[in-house]
Every structure is written in structure tokens, then in C-alpha cells.
N, C-alpha and C. Protein backbone atom coordinates (compact mmCIF):
# COMPACT_ATOMS: atom_id res chain seq x y z
N MET A 1 -106.43 -2.38 104.47
CA MET A 1 -105.83 -3.63 104.90
C MET A 1 -104.40 -3.76 104.38
N ILE A 2 -104.18 -3.35 103.14
CA ILE A 2 -102.84 -3.42 102.55
C ILE A 2 -101.88 -2.51 103.33
N ALA A 3 -102.35 -1.35 103.74
CA ALA A 3 -101.51 -0.42 104.51
C ALA A 3 -101.11 -1.05 105.84
N VAL A 4 -102.04 -1.72 106.50
CA VAL A 4 -101.75 -2.36 107.78
C VAL A 4 -100.72 -3.48 107.59
N ILE A 5 -100.91 -4.29 106.58
CA ILE A 5 -99.97 -5.39 106.31
C ILE A 5 -98.58 -4.83 105.97
N THR A 6 -98.53 -3.78 105.17
CA THR A 6 -97.26 -3.15 104.82
C THR A 6 -96.57 -2.61 106.06
N MET A 7 -97.33 -1.94 106.93
CA MET A 7 -96.75 -1.39 108.15
C MET A 7 -96.22 -2.51 109.04
N CYS A 8 -96.98 -3.59 109.17
CA CYS A 8 -96.53 -4.72 109.98
C CYS A 8 -95.26 -5.34 109.41
N SER A 9 -95.18 -5.42 108.09
CA SER A 9 -93.98 -5.96 107.44
C SER A 9 -92.76 -5.09 107.73
N VAL A 10 -92.93 -3.80 107.62
CA VAL A 10 -91.83 -2.87 107.89
C VAL A 10 -91.38 -3.00 109.34
N LEU A 11 -92.34 -3.00 110.27
CA LEU A 11 -92.00 -3.12 111.69
C LEU A 11 -91.35 -4.46 112.00
N THR A 12 -91.81 -5.52 111.38
CA THR A 12 -91.21 -6.84 111.58
C THR A 12 -89.77 -6.84 111.10
N ASN A 13 -89.54 -6.22 109.93
CA ASN A 13 -88.18 -6.15 109.39
C ASN A 13 -87.26 -5.37 110.33
N LEU A 14 -87.74 -4.26 110.86
CA LEU A 14 -86.93 -3.46 111.79
C LEU A 14 -86.63 -4.25 113.07
N GLN A 15 -87.63 -4.95 113.59
CA GLN A 15 -87.43 -5.73 114.80
C GLN A 15 -86.48 -6.90 114.56
N ALA A 16 -86.58 -7.53 113.40
CA ALA A 16 -85.72 -8.67 113.09
C ALA A 16 -84.24 -8.28 113.06
N ARG A 17 -83.95 -7.04 112.69
CA ARG A 17 -82.56 -6.57 112.69
C ARG A 17 -81.97 -6.60 114.09
N ARG A 18 -82.81 -6.33 115.09
CA ARG A 18 -82.34 -6.35 116.48
C ARG A 18 -82.08 -7.77 116.97
N TRP A 19 -82.68 -8.76 116.33
CA TRP A 19 -82.55 -10.15 116.73
C TRP A 19 -81.56 -10.88 115.84
N HIS A 20 -80.78 -10.16 115.08
CA HIS A 20 -79.85 -10.76 114.12
C HIS A 20 -78.94 -11.79 114.76
N ASP A 21 -78.33 -11.44 115.87
CA ASP A 21 -77.49 -12.35 116.63
C ASP A 21 -77.45 -11.88 118.08
N SER A 22 -76.79 -12.63 118.93
CA SER A 22 -76.77 -12.31 120.36
C SER A 22 -76.11 -10.96 120.64
N VAL A 23 -75.05 -10.65 119.92
CA VAL A 23 -74.37 -9.37 120.15
C VAL A 23 -75.32 -8.22 119.81
N THR A 24 -75.99 -8.31 118.68
CA THR A 24 -76.94 -7.26 118.28
C THR A 24 -78.08 -7.15 119.29
N LEU A 25 -78.62 -8.30 119.67
CA LEU A 25 -79.76 -8.31 120.60
C LEU A 25 -79.40 -7.68 121.94
N PHE A 26 -78.29 -8.12 122.55
CA PHE A 26 -77.97 -7.63 123.89
C PHE A 26 -77.38 -6.22 123.86
N THR A 27 -76.75 -5.84 122.76
CA THR A 27 -76.33 -4.44 122.63
C THR A 27 -77.56 -3.54 122.61
N HIS A 28 -78.56 -3.93 121.85
CA HIS A 28 -79.80 -3.14 121.81
C HIS A 28 -80.48 -3.14 123.19
N THR A 29 -80.50 -4.27 123.84
CA THR A 29 -81.10 -4.35 125.18
C THR A 29 -80.44 -3.36 126.12
N LEU A 30 -79.12 -3.25 126.06
CA LEU A 30 -78.40 -2.32 126.93
C LEU A 30 -78.67 -0.87 126.54
N GLU A 31 -78.99 -0.63 125.29
CA GLU A 31 -79.32 0.73 124.85
C GLU A 31 -80.66 1.19 125.40
N VAL A 32 -81.56 0.26 125.68
CA VAL A 32 -82.91 0.64 126.11
C VAL A 32 -83.20 0.30 127.57
N THR A 33 -82.21 -0.23 128.29
CA THR A 33 -82.39 -0.52 129.72
C THR A 33 -81.21 0.04 130.49
N GLU A 34 -81.36 0.06 131.81
CA GLU A 34 -80.27 0.51 132.69
C GLU A 34 -79.97 -0.58 133.71
N ASN A 35 -78.71 -0.66 134.10
CA ASN A 35 -78.28 -1.60 135.15
C ASN A 35 -78.80 -3.01 134.91
N ASN A 36 -78.64 -3.50 133.70
CA ASN A 36 -79.14 -4.80 133.32
C ASN A 36 -77.98 -5.81 133.36
N ALA A 37 -77.79 -6.43 134.52
CA ALA A 37 -76.69 -7.37 134.70
C ALA A 37 -76.79 -8.55 133.75
N LEU A 38 -77.99 -9.06 133.56
CA LEU A 38 -78.18 -10.22 132.69
C LEU A 38 -77.80 -9.90 131.24
N ALA A 39 -78.17 -8.73 130.76
CA ALA A 39 -77.81 -8.35 129.39
C ALA A 39 -76.30 -8.20 129.25
N HIS A 40 -75.65 -7.60 130.26
CA HIS A 40 -74.18 -7.48 130.21
C HIS A 40 -73.53 -8.87 130.22
N LYS A 41 -74.05 -9.76 131.07
CA LYS A 41 -73.49 -11.12 131.15
C LYS A 41 -73.65 -11.85 129.82
N ASN A 42 -74.84 -11.76 129.22
CA ASN A 42 -75.07 -12.45 127.95
C ASN A 42 -74.28 -11.82 126.80
N LEU A 43 -74.13 -10.52 126.82
CA LEU A 43 -73.32 -9.86 125.80
C LEU A 43 -71.85 -10.26 125.96
N ALA A 44 -71.39 -10.35 127.20
CA ALA A 44 -70.01 -10.79 127.45
C ALA A 44 -69.79 -12.19 126.87
N ALA A 45 -70.73 -13.08 127.10
CA ALA A 45 -70.60 -14.45 126.58
C ALA A 45 -70.57 -14.46 125.05
N ALA A 46 -71.45 -13.69 124.44
CA ALA A 46 -71.49 -13.63 122.97
C ALA A 46 -70.21 -13.05 122.40
N LEU A 47 -69.71 -11.99 123.02
CA LEU A 47 -68.47 -11.37 122.55
C LEU A 47 -67.28 -12.32 122.73
N ALA A 48 -67.25 -13.03 123.84
CA ALA A 48 -66.16 -13.99 124.08
C ALA A 48 -66.20 -15.09 123.03
N GLN A 49 -67.39 -15.54 122.70
CA GLN A 49 -67.54 -16.58 121.68
C GLN A 49 -67.02 -16.11 120.33
N GLN A 50 -67.14 -14.81 120.06
CA GLN A 50 -66.62 -14.24 118.81
C GLN A 50 -65.12 -13.96 118.90
N GLY A 51 -64.53 -14.11 120.09
CA GLY A 51 -63.10 -13.85 120.27
C GLY A 51 -62.77 -12.44 120.70
N ASN A 52 -63.78 -11.63 120.96
CA ASN A 52 -63.56 -10.25 121.40
C ASN A 52 -63.47 -10.23 122.92
N LEU A 53 -62.34 -10.71 123.45
CA LEU A 53 -62.17 -10.93 124.88
C LEU A 53 -62.11 -9.63 125.68
N VAL A 54 -61.50 -8.60 125.15
CA VAL A 54 -61.38 -7.34 125.88
C VAL A 54 -62.76 -6.73 126.11
N GLU A 55 -63.56 -6.69 125.07
CA GLU A 55 -64.91 -6.14 125.20
C GLU A 55 -65.79 -7.05 126.06
N ALA A 56 -65.60 -8.35 125.93
CA ALA A 56 -66.34 -9.30 126.77
C ALA A 56 -66.01 -9.07 128.24
N LEU A 57 -64.75 -8.85 128.55
CA LEU A 57 -64.34 -8.59 129.93
C LEU A 57 -64.98 -7.31 130.46
N ARG A 58 -65.07 -6.31 129.63
CA ARG A 58 -65.70 -5.05 130.05
C ARG A 58 -67.16 -5.29 130.46
N HIS A 59 -67.87 -6.10 129.69
CA HIS A 59 -69.27 -6.36 130.01
C HIS A 59 -69.41 -7.32 131.20
N ALA A 60 -68.53 -8.29 131.32
CA ALA A 60 -68.57 -9.18 132.49
C ALA A 60 -68.32 -8.39 133.76
N THR A 61 -67.38 -7.46 133.70
CA THR A 61 -67.06 -6.63 134.86
C THR A 61 -68.24 -5.72 135.22
N GLU A 62 -68.91 -5.19 134.21
CA GLU A 62 -70.08 -4.35 134.46
C GLU A 62 -71.22 -5.17 135.05
N SER A 63 -71.39 -6.37 134.59
CA SER A 63 -72.41 -7.26 135.16
C SER A 63 -72.14 -7.50 136.64
N LEU A 64 -70.88 -7.71 136.98
CA LEU A 64 -70.50 -7.93 138.39
C LEU A 64 -70.69 -6.67 139.23
N ARG A 65 -70.47 -5.52 138.64
CA ARG A 65 -70.70 -4.27 139.38
C ARG A 65 -72.17 -4.15 139.76
N ILE A 66 -73.03 -4.52 138.84
CA ILE A 66 -74.47 -4.41 139.07
C ILE A 66 -74.96 -5.50 140.02
N LYS A 67 -74.50 -6.73 139.80
CA LYS A 67 -75.00 -7.87 140.58
C LYS A 67 -73.88 -8.91 140.72
N PRO A 68 -73.13 -8.87 141.81
CA PRO A 68 -72.07 -9.86 142.00
C PRO A 68 -72.63 -11.29 142.11
N GLU A 69 -72.10 -12.18 141.29
CA GLU A 69 -72.51 -13.58 141.29
C GLU A 69 -71.27 -14.46 141.17
N PRO A 70 -71.24 -15.59 141.89
CA PRO A 70 -70.05 -16.45 141.84
C PRO A 70 -69.70 -16.94 140.44
N LEU A 71 -70.70 -17.33 139.66
CA LEU A 71 -70.40 -17.85 138.32
C LEU A 71 -69.92 -16.75 137.38
N GLU A 72 -70.37 -15.54 137.58
CA GLU A 72 -69.89 -14.44 136.74
C GLU A 72 -68.44 -14.10 137.08
N TYR A 73 -68.05 -14.26 138.37
CA TYR A 73 -66.64 -14.08 138.72
C TYR A 73 -65.79 -15.15 138.04
N VAL A 74 -66.31 -16.35 137.90
CA VAL A 74 -65.58 -17.40 137.18
C VAL A 74 -65.39 -17.00 135.73
N SER A 75 -66.45 -16.47 135.12
CA SER A 75 -66.35 -16.01 133.73
C SER A 75 -65.32 -14.90 133.60
N GLN A 76 -65.34 -13.97 134.54
CA GLN A 76 -64.36 -12.88 134.53
C GLN A 76 -62.95 -13.45 134.68
N GLY A 77 -62.79 -14.40 135.59
CA GLY A 77 -61.48 -15.03 135.79
C GLY A 77 -60.99 -15.72 134.54
N TRP A 78 -61.89 -16.43 133.85
CA TRP A 78 -61.53 -17.12 132.62
C TRP A 78 -61.08 -16.11 131.56
N LEU A 79 -61.79 -14.98 131.47
CA LEU A 79 -61.40 -13.96 130.49
C LEU A 79 -60.03 -13.37 130.83
N TYR A 80 -59.81 -13.05 132.10
CA TYR A 80 -58.48 -12.55 132.50
C TYR A 80 -57.40 -13.59 132.19
N LEU A 81 -57.70 -14.86 132.45
CA LEU A 81 -56.74 -15.92 132.17
C LEU A 81 -56.40 -15.95 130.69
N ARG A 82 -57.42 -15.90 129.83
CA ARG A 82 -57.20 -15.91 128.38
C ARG A 82 -56.40 -14.71 127.92
N LEU A 83 -56.53 -13.59 128.65
CA LEU A 83 -55.80 -12.37 128.28
C LEU A 83 -54.41 -12.33 128.92
N GLY A 84 -54.05 -13.36 129.68
CA GLY A 84 -52.73 -13.42 130.30
C GLY A 84 -52.59 -12.57 131.55
N GLU A 85 -53.68 -12.15 132.12
CA GLU A 85 -53.66 -11.34 133.35
C GLU A 85 -53.95 -12.27 134.52
N TYR A 86 -52.91 -13.04 134.90
CA TYR A 86 -53.08 -14.14 135.84
C TYR A 86 -53.40 -13.68 137.27
N GLN A 87 -52.83 -12.58 137.69
CA GLN A 87 -53.13 -12.08 139.04
C GLN A 87 -54.60 -11.67 139.13
N LYS A 88 -55.11 -11.00 138.12
CA LYS A 88 -56.51 -10.60 138.11
C LYS A 88 -57.43 -11.81 137.97
N ALA A 89 -56.99 -12.81 137.22
CA ALA A 89 -57.77 -14.05 137.10
C ALA A 89 -57.88 -14.72 138.46
N ALA A 90 -56.77 -14.77 139.17
CA ALA A 90 -56.78 -15.38 140.50
C ALA A 90 -57.70 -14.62 141.44
N GLU A 91 -57.64 -13.30 141.38
CA GLU A 91 -58.49 -12.48 142.25
C GLU A 91 -59.98 -12.72 141.96
N ALA A 92 -60.34 -12.79 140.69
CA ALA A 92 -61.74 -13.04 140.33
C ALA A 92 -62.18 -14.40 140.85
N CYS A 93 -61.33 -15.41 140.71
CA CYS A 93 -61.70 -16.75 141.19
C CYS A 93 -61.78 -16.80 142.71
N ARG A 94 -60.90 -16.09 143.39
CA ARG A 94 -61.00 -16.04 144.86
C ARG A 94 -62.31 -15.36 145.27
N ASN A 95 -62.75 -14.35 144.53
CA ASN A 95 -64.04 -13.72 144.81
C ASN A 95 -65.18 -14.73 144.65
N SER A 96 -65.10 -15.54 143.60
CA SER A 96 -66.12 -16.56 143.38
C SER A 96 -66.12 -17.58 144.52
N ILE A 97 -64.93 -18.02 144.90
CA ILE A 97 -64.81 -19.04 145.95
C ILE A 97 -65.29 -18.49 147.29
N ALA A 98 -65.09 -17.21 147.54
CA ALA A 98 -65.59 -16.61 148.78
C ALA A 98 -67.12 -16.69 148.85
N MET A 99 -67.77 -16.63 147.70
CA MET A 99 -69.23 -16.69 147.64
C MET A 99 -69.74 -18.13 147.53
N SER A 100 -68.96 -18.98 146.91
CA SER A 100 -69.36 -20.37 146.65
C SER A 100 -68.12 -21.26 146.77
N PRO A 101 -67.77 -21.66 148.00
CA PRO A 101 -66.49 -22.34 148.26
C PRO A 101 -66.26 -23.64 147.48
N ASN A 102 -67.29 -24.32 147.08
CA ASN A 102 -67.12 -25.61 146.40
C ASN A 102 -67.20 -25.52 144.89
N ASN A 103 -67.07 -24.33 144.34
CA ASN A 103 -67.15 -24.14 142.90
C ASN A 103 -65.86 -24.67 142.26
N ASP A 104 -65.94 -25.87 141.71
CA ASP A 104 -64.72 -26.50 141.20
C ASP A 104 -64.15 -25.79 139.98
N LYS A 105 -65.00 -25.17 139.17
CA LYS A 105 -64.46 -24.44 138.01
C LYS A 105 -63.65 -23.24 138.47
N ALA A 106 -64.08 -22.57 139.54
CA ALA A 106 -63.31 -21.45 140.09
C ALA A 106 -61.96 -21.95 140.61
N HIS A 107 -61.97 -23.10 141.28
CA HIS A 107 -60.70 -23.67 141.78
C HIS A 107 -59.79 -24.07 140.62
N PHE A 108 -60.38 -24.59 139.55
CA PHE A 108 -59.62 -24.99 138.37
C PHE A 108 -58.93 -23.79 137.73
N ILE A 109 -59.68 -22.73 137.49
CA ILE A 109 -59.09 -21.53 136.87
C ILE A 109 -58.10 -20.87 137.81
N LEU A 110 -58.41 -20.87 139.10
CA LEU A 110 -57.46 -20.33 140.09
C LEU A 110 -56.16 -21.12 140.04
N GLY A 111 -56.26 -22.45 139.98
CA GLY A 111 -55.06 -23.28 139.90
C GLY A 111 -54.23 -23.00 138.66
N ILE A 112 -54.89 -22.83 137.52
CA ILE A 112 -54.17 -22.50 136.28
C ILE A 112 -53.48 -21.14 136.43
N SER A 113 -54.15 -20.21 137.07
CA SER A 113 -53.53 -18.90 137.31
C SER A 113 -52.28 -19.05 138.16
N TYR A 114 -52.37 -19.88 139.20
CA TYR A 114 -51.20 -20.11 140.06
C TYR A 114 -50.05 -20.76 139.28
N ILE A 115 -50.37 -21.70 138.40
CA ILE A 115 -49.31 -22.30 137.59
C ILE A 115 -48.60 -21.22 136.79
N ASN A 116 -49.37 -20.34 136.16
CA ASN A 116 -48.78 -19.28 135.35
C ASN A 116 -48.04 -18.24 136.19
N LEU A 117 -48.45 -18.08 137.44
CA LEU A 117 -47.76 -17.16 138.34
C LEU A 117 -46.56 -17.82 139.03
N LYS A 118 -46.33 -19.09 138.71
CA LYS A 118 -45.23 -19.88 139.29
C LYS A 118 -45.39 -20.08 140.80
N ASP A 119 -46.62 -20.04 141.28
CA ASP A 119 -46.94 -20.30 142.68
C ASP A 119 -47.36 -21.77 142.77
N HIS A 120 -46.35 -22.64 142.74
CA HIS A 120 -46.63 -24.06 142.64
C HIS A 120 -47.31 -24.63 143.88
N SER A 121 -46.97 -24.14 145.06
CA SER A 121 -47.61 -24.70 146.26
C SER A 121 -49.10 -24.38 146.27
N SER A 122 -49.48 -23.19 145.84
CA SER A 122 -50.90 -22.85 145.76
C SER A 122 -51.59 -23.65 144.66
N ALA A 123 -50.89 -23.90 143.57
CA ALA A 123 -51.46 -24.73 142.50
C ALA A 123 -51.72 -26.14 143.00
N ILE A 124 -50.79 -26.69 143.78
CA ILE A 124 -50.96 -28.03 144.36
C ILE A 124 -52.16 -28.04 145.31
N THR A 125 -52.33 -26.97 146.07
CA THR A 125 -53.49 -26.88 146.96
C THR A 125 -54.79 -26.95 146.16
N GLU A 126 -54.83 -26.26 145.04
CA GLU A 126 -56.03 -26.29 144.19
C GLU A 126 -56.22 -27.68 143.59
N TYR A 127 -55.13 -28.32 143.19
CA TYR A 127 -55.24 -29.68 142.68
C TYR A 127 -55.81 -30.61 143.74
N ASN A 128 -55.30 -30.50 144.96
CA ASN A 128 -55.81 -31.35 146.04
C ASN A 128 -57.29 -31.13 146.29
N PHE A 129 -57.74 -29.87 146.21
CA PHE A 129 -59.17 -29.61 146.36
C PHE A 129 -59.95 -30.33 145.26
N LEU A 130 -59.49 -30.19 144.02
CA LEU A 130 -60.19 -30.81 142.89
C LEU A 130 -60.21 -32.33 143.02
N LYS A 131 -59.08 -32.89 143.41
CA LYS A 131 -58.98 -34.34 143.57
C LYS A 131 -59.89 -34.82 144.70
N ASP A 132 -59.81 -34.15 145.85
CA ASP A 132 -60.60 -34.57 147.01
C ASP A 132 -62.10 -34.41 146.80
N SER A 133 -62.48 -33.43 146.00
CA SER A 133 -63.91 -33.23 145.73
C SER A 133 -64.38 -34.04 144.52
N ARG A 134 -63.47 -34.83 143.96
CA ARG A 134 -63.78 -35.68 142.80
C ARG A 134 -64.31 -34.88 141.62
N SER A 135 -63.70 -33.73 141.45
CA SER A 135 -64.10 -32.85 140.35
C SER A 135 -63.69 -33.46 139.01
N PRO A 136 -64.51 -33.28 138.00
CA PRO A 136 -64.11 -33.73 136.66
C PRO A 136 -62.91 -32.95 136.12
N TYR A 137 -62.58 -31.83 136.76
CA TYR A 137 -61.41 -31.04 136.34
C TYR A 137 -60.09 -31.59 136.91
N ALA A 138 -60.15 -32.49 137.86
CA ALA A 138 -58.94 -32.96 138.55
C ALA A 138 -57.92 -33.57 137.59
N GLY A 139 -58.36 -34.46 136.72
CA GLY A 139 -57.44 -35.12 135.79
C GLY A 139 -56.79 -34.14 134.83
N GLU A 140 -57.58 -33.24 134.30
CA GLU A 140 -57.05 -32.23 133.38
C GLU A 140 -56.05 -31.32 134.09
N PHE A 141 -56.38 -30.96 135.35
CA PHE A 141 -55.48 -30.09 136.09
C PHE A 141 -54.18 -30.80 136.42
N LEU A 142 -54.27 -32.08 136.78
CA LEU A 142 -53.05 -32.86 137.04
C LEU A 142 -52.15 -32.85 135.81
N GLN A 143 -52.72 -33.01 134.63
CA GLN A 143 -51.93 -32.99 133.40
C GLN A 143 -51.28 -31.62 133.19
N LEU A 144 -52.02 -30.55 133.48
CA LEU A 144 -51.45 -29.20 133.36
C LEU A 144 -50.26 -29.02 134.32
N LEU A 145 -50.40 -29.55 135.53
CA LEU A 145 -49.28 -29.48 136.48
C LEU A 145 -48.06 -30.23 135.94
N LYS A 146 -48.29 -31.41 135.43
CA LYS A 146 -47.19 -32.20 134.88
C LYS A 146 -46.55 -31.49 133.69
N ASP A 147 -47.39 -30.94 132.79
CA ASP A 147 -46.87 -30.22 131.63
C ASP A 147 -46.04 -29.02 132.03
N ALA A 148 -46.38 -28.41 133.15
CA ALA A 148 -45.65 -27.23 133.63
C ALA A 148 -44.41 -27.63 134.44
N GLY A 149 -44.21 -28.93 134.63
CA GLY A 149 -43.04 -29.41 135.37
C GLY A 149 -43.16 -29.22 136.88
N VAL A 150 -44.38 -29.13 137.36
CA VAL A 150 -44.60 -28.96 138.79
C VAL A 150 -44.53 -30.34 139.45
N PRO A 151 -43.63 -30.51 140.42
CA PRO A 151 -43.55 -31.80 141.09
C PRO A 151 -44.80 -32.03 141.95
N ILE A 152 -45.42 -33.19 141.76
CA ILE A 152 -46.64 -33.53 142.47
C ILE A 152 -46.25 -34.39 143.66
N PRO A 153 -46.53 -33.92 144.88
CA PRO A 153 -46.21 -34.75 146.05
C PRO A 153 -47.12 -35.98 146.08
N SER A 154 -46.55 -37.11 146.46
CA SER A 154 -47.39 -38.31 146.56
C SER A 154 -48.20 -38.26 147.84
N THR A 155 -49.42 -38.77 147.73
CA THR A 155 -50.30 -38.74 148.91
C THR A 155 -50.63 -40.11 149.39
């Protein structure tokens, strides 16, 4: 009985190491599975939360390769935006919008990308979408436009 309890304790300790945190858990999951979009997506989120944006982007992109999803394109766009790759951020958000046209977060990140790309007319178009759809992002985006010195046409 003591041998069984000792063995269970050792195995529990080994398993607990894999559950240490989300990065450890999903890294291990990817080591023992193939084409696991969910594990890549969750690892990307955990890495982004730790500030490891480059590695997070790699896993978000791999998740999209396996299973394209509108919300994962938004995550990819957000990561590109944080890394200052505005053209790629815009492309990711346009991919999301093609799959889910009313995704206001995709329109929000796309609009921020346009502001950074100095494409003010496209940024205004995204603002109008957010405003017309009564998105909670509309007010924040309007402030970003004002902060960037983009003239807002009156409607």
C-alpha cells in the first residue's frame, strides 16, 4: 500500500508540473497533440498576457492556419497592432470582417490601424460603422481620432 501511495504521489507531482501555468499547460498540450488550434490560441493568449507578443503572434497565426476563425483574426490583428505592424493588423481585421461583418472589435482595431497608416478617410469609415452600430468602442475610437488630429466630418 505504501508503494502505491508513493507512486501516486510521484505521478501527481509530475502531472502538477504540467499544470503550473497556462504557458506550461498549453506548451505541453502542443507537444503531445497535432494540429491543435485551441491549444495554439490559448497559448497565444497566455504568452500575450506575459508580454511575449512575438511568440504569441506565432501561435495565433498557427491557430489560424489550422482553423480560421473571425475572433482569432481579431487577436492576430491586435498583436500586429501592438507590434507596430499596422498593414498586417489591418489585413487580419479585414479577414475577420469578411467572415463576421458586424464584429465591432475588428472594426475598432482596423480603424486604429488606419489612423496609424494615416489613412484618415478609412478611419472615418470605421468610426461611422462603430457609431451607427452603437458599438461601445465608438466613443473611445472618436477620442483616438481627435487625439490623432483627424478632422471629424459633422453628420
